[in-house]
Amino acid sequence: MIPFIIQSEKVLELIKMGNSQVLKYIINTLKVIGALFCLYCFICSLVIRSSVFKLLAGQATGNFLLL
């Protein structure tokens, strides 16, 4: 009975170690996905910002020429 208890404790320890490695893998994967999402949002905001500046510059130029 005692060897079974010792083996089961070792098995439980290995399972806990395996779960922590899987958890680290999942967390690191989510960090990479989050970083790529932030980069995507930043690039989209630059595109939107450039379009807005072009619109404002075009409108201001048009108003200036009408005077």
Protein backbone atom coordinates (compact mmCIF):
# COMPACT_ATOMS: atom_id res chain seq x y z
CA MET A 1 0.00 0.00 0.00
CA ILE A 2 2.79 2.46 0.81
CA PRO A 3 4.57 2.10 -2.59
CA PHE A 4 1.24 2.87 -4.28
CA ILE A 5 0.89 6.07 -2.24
CA ILE A 6 4.43 7.13 -3.10
CA GLN A 7 3.86 6.43 -6.80
CA SER A 8 0.56 8.28 -6.81
CA GLU A 9 2.25 11.31 -5.24
CA LYS A 10 4.89 11.23 -7.97
CA VAL A 11 2.19 10.97 -10.61
CA LEU A 12 0.31 13.91 -9.10
CA GLU A 13 3.53 15.92 -9.06
CA LEU A 14 4.16 15.13 -12.75
CA ILE A 15 0.58 16.08 -13.62
CA LYS A 16 0.95 19.40 -11.82
CA MET A 17 4.23 20.06 -13.62
CA GLY A 18 2.64 19.19 -16.97
CA ASN A 19 -0.31 21.48 -16.34
CA SER A 20 1.98 24.38 -15.49
CA GLN A 21 3.88 23.87 -18.75
CA VAL A 22 0.64 23.76 -20.72
CA LEU A 23 -0.56 26.86 -18.90
CA LYS A 24 2.69 28.68 -19.75
CA TYR A 25 2.28 27.66 -23.40
CA ILE A 26 -1.31 28.95 -23.48
CA ILE A 27 -0.36 32.22 -21.79
CA ASN A 28 2.56 32.80 -24.16
CA THR A 29 0.35 32.04 -27.17
CA LEU A 30 -2.25 34.53 -25.93
CA LYS A 31 0.49 37.14 -25.41
CA VAL A 32 1.67 36.74 -29.01
CA ILE A 33 -1.89 36.96 -30.33
CA GLY A 34 -2.49 40.05 -28.18
CA ALA A 35 0.69 41.71 -29.44
CA LEU A 36 -0.26 41.03 -33.06
CA PHE A 37 -3.75 42.41 -32.42
CA CYS A 38 -2.29 45.58 -30.91
CA LEU A 39 0.01 45.98 -33.92
CA TYR A 40 -2.96 45.50 -36.26
CA CYS A 41 -4.99 48.15 -34.38
CA PHE A 42 -2.03 50.56 -34.50
CA ILE A 43 -1.62 50.14 -38.27
CA CYS A 44 -5.36 50.57 -38.81
CA SER A 45 -5.33 53.77 -36.74
CA LEU A 46 -2.47 55.13 -38.88
CA VAL A 47 -4.43 54.43 -42.06
CA ILE A 48 -7.56 56.08 -40.67
CA ARG A 49 -5.55 59.05 -39.43
CA SER A 50 -3.90 59.58 -42.82
CA SER A 51 -7.29 59.43 -44.55
CA VAL A 52 -8.72 62.01 -42.15
CA PHE A 53 -5.78 64.36 -42.68
CA LYS A 54 -6.18 64.03 -46.46
CA LEU A 55 -9.88 64.85 -46.16
CA LEU A 56 -9.21 67.85 -43.93
CA ALA A 57 -6.42 69.10 -46.16
CA GLY A 58 -8.61 68.72 -49.23
CA GLN A 59 -11.54 70.51 -47.62
CA ALA A 60 -9.35 73.33 -46.34
CA THR A 61 -7.72 73.70 -49.76
CA GLY A 62 -11.10 73.80 -51.44
CA ASN A 63 -12.36 76.46 -49.04
CA PHE A 64 -9.23 78.53 -49.52
CA LEU A 65 -9.59 78.50 -53.34
CA LEU A 66 -13.24 79.57 -53.15
CA LEU A 67 -12.34 82.81 -51.36
